[in-house]
Protein backbone atom coordinates (compact mmCIF):
# COMPACT_ATOMS: atom_id res chain seq x y z
CA ARG A 1 -24.09 0.89 -1.98
CA ALA A 2 -20.74 -1.14 -2.01
CA PRO A 3 -18.32 0.61 0.43
CA ALA A 4 -15.96 -2.72 0.05
CA ASP A 5 -16.00 -1.95 -4.01
CA PRO A 6 -12.17 -0.86 -4.62
CA TRP A 7 -13.16 0.10 -8.33
CA THR A 8 -15.78 3.12 -6.42
CA TRP A 9 -12.99 4.34 -4.75
CA THR A 10 -10.43 4.48 -7.64
CA GLN A 11 -12.94 6.00 -9.91
CA LEU A 12 -14.01 8.97 -6.90
CA GLY A 13 -10.18 9.08 -6.39
CA GLU A 14 -9.10 9.66 -9.89
CA LEU A 15 -11.78 11.98 -10.68
CA GLU A 16 -10.88 14.19 -7.78
CA LEU A 17 -6.87 14.16 -8.60
CA ALA A 18 -8.09 15.06 -12.58
CA GLU A 19 -10.08 18.29 -11.02
CA GLY A 20 -6.94 19.41 -9.60
CA ARG A 21 -7.75 18.03 -5.99
CA PRO A 22 -5.02 16.07 -4.71
CA ALA A 23 -5.69 16.08 -0.63
CA GLU A 24 -9.24 14.95 -1.45
CA ALA A 25 -8.09 12.17 -3.39
CA GLU A 26 -5.78 11.08 -1.11
CA LEU A 27 -8.43 10.85 1.43
CA LEU A 28 -10.43 8.51 -0.85
CA ALA A 29 -7.13 6.30 -1.88
CA ARG A 30 -7.27 5.84 2.15
CA ALA A 31 -11.09 5.03 2.80
CA GLY A 32 -10.72 2.35 0.06
CA LEU A 33 -7.46 1.08 1.34
CA THR A 34 -9.58 0.73 4.84
CA TRP A 35 -11.96 -1.80 3.07
CA SER A 36 -9.36 -3.16 0.19
CA PRO A 37 -6.13 -2.97 1.82
CA ASP A 38 -4.33 -5.19 -1.02
CA GLU A 39 -5.67 -3.34 -4.17
CA SER A 40 -2.87 -2.17 -6.13
CA ALA A 41 -4.63 0.76 -7.83
CA LEU A 42 -5.58 2.39 -4.79
CA HIS A 43 -1.94 2.08 -3.54
CA THR A 44 -1.16 3.99 -6.81
CA LEU A 45 -3.75 6.98 -6.56
CA LEU A 46 -2.32 6.88 -3.16
CA ALA A 47 0.84 7.69 -4.64
CA GLN A 48 -0.01 9.78 -7.17
CA ALA A 49 -2.41 11.98 -5.00
CA ALA A 50 0.75 12.23 -2.63
CA ASP A 51 3.05 13.41 -5.46
CA ALA A 52 0.41 16.10 -6.52
CA ARG A 53 -0.11 17.21 -3.28
CA GLY A 54 3.63 17.85 -2.18
CA GLY A 55 6.14 16.17 -4.85
CA ARG A 56 8.58 13.43 -4.14
CA ALA A 57 9.00 14.03 -0.37
CA VAL A 58 5.65 13.91 0.62
CA ARG A 59 5.01 11.04 -1.62
CA VAL A 60 7.94 9.15 -0.08
CA ALA A 61 6.37 10.17 3.38
CA VAL A 62 3.11 8.78 2.84
CA LEU A 63 3.92 5.74 1.20
CA LEU A 64 6.28 5.06 4.04
CA GLU A 65 3.13 5.01 6.40
CA ASN A 66 1.23 3.33 4.10
CA ALA A 67 3.62 0.13 4.14
CA ALA A 68 4.32 0.34 7.47
CA SER A 69 0.72 0.47 8.50
CA ARG A 70 -0.16 -2.63 5.96
CA PRO A 71 2.71 -4.77 6.31
CA THR A 72 1.64 -7.57 4.15
CA ALA A 73 0.40 -5.69 0.98
CA ALA A 74 2.68 -5.90 -1.75
CA ALA A 75 1.34 -3.44 -3.73
CA ALA A 76 2.09 -0.61 -0.67
CA HIS A 77 5.62 -2.00 -0.64
CA PHE A 78 6.17 -1.74 -4.84
CA GLU A 79 4.76 1.91 -4.73
CA LEU A 80 7.40 2.64 -1.80
CA ALA A 81 10.03 1.04 -3.98
CA ARG A 82 9.00 3.03 -7.06
CA ALA A 83 8.90 6.02 -5.06
CA ARG A 84 12.67 5.56 -3.76
CA PHE A 85 13.92 4.67 -7.19
CA ASP A 86 12.68 7.99 -8.92
CA GLU A 87 14.23 9.26 -5.75
CA GLY A 88 17.33 7.88 -6.89
CA ARG A 89 16.94 6.29 -3.67
CA PHE A 90 17.75 2.84 -4.15
CA VAL A 91 20.97 -0.19 -3.83
CA SER A 92 22.56 -1.07 -7.14
CA THR A 93 22.25 -4.46 -7.32
CA GLU A 94 24.82 -4.32 -10.17
CA ARG A 95 28.51 -6.36 -9.55
CA GLU A 96 31.66 -4.55 -10.61
């Protein structure tokens, strides 16, 4: 009844993920992001689903595509940065 409600998409996706169906969870996250492109919970769900589906490499690839398609969504870029950090692919800002 409320397709634009990100809570519904997030809850359904989390249920699919809990049931061991990460591909379905990823589809739900993507569908929810169509309606609510700035919803951080949906970006997090997308990252978790991609990771569960194929590990860190798939997670980074999915999040790269997601960030590119949503250049103004801060949560998309945050999840991509977190994925890259988890992979050890970041630039140190420490000064020697």
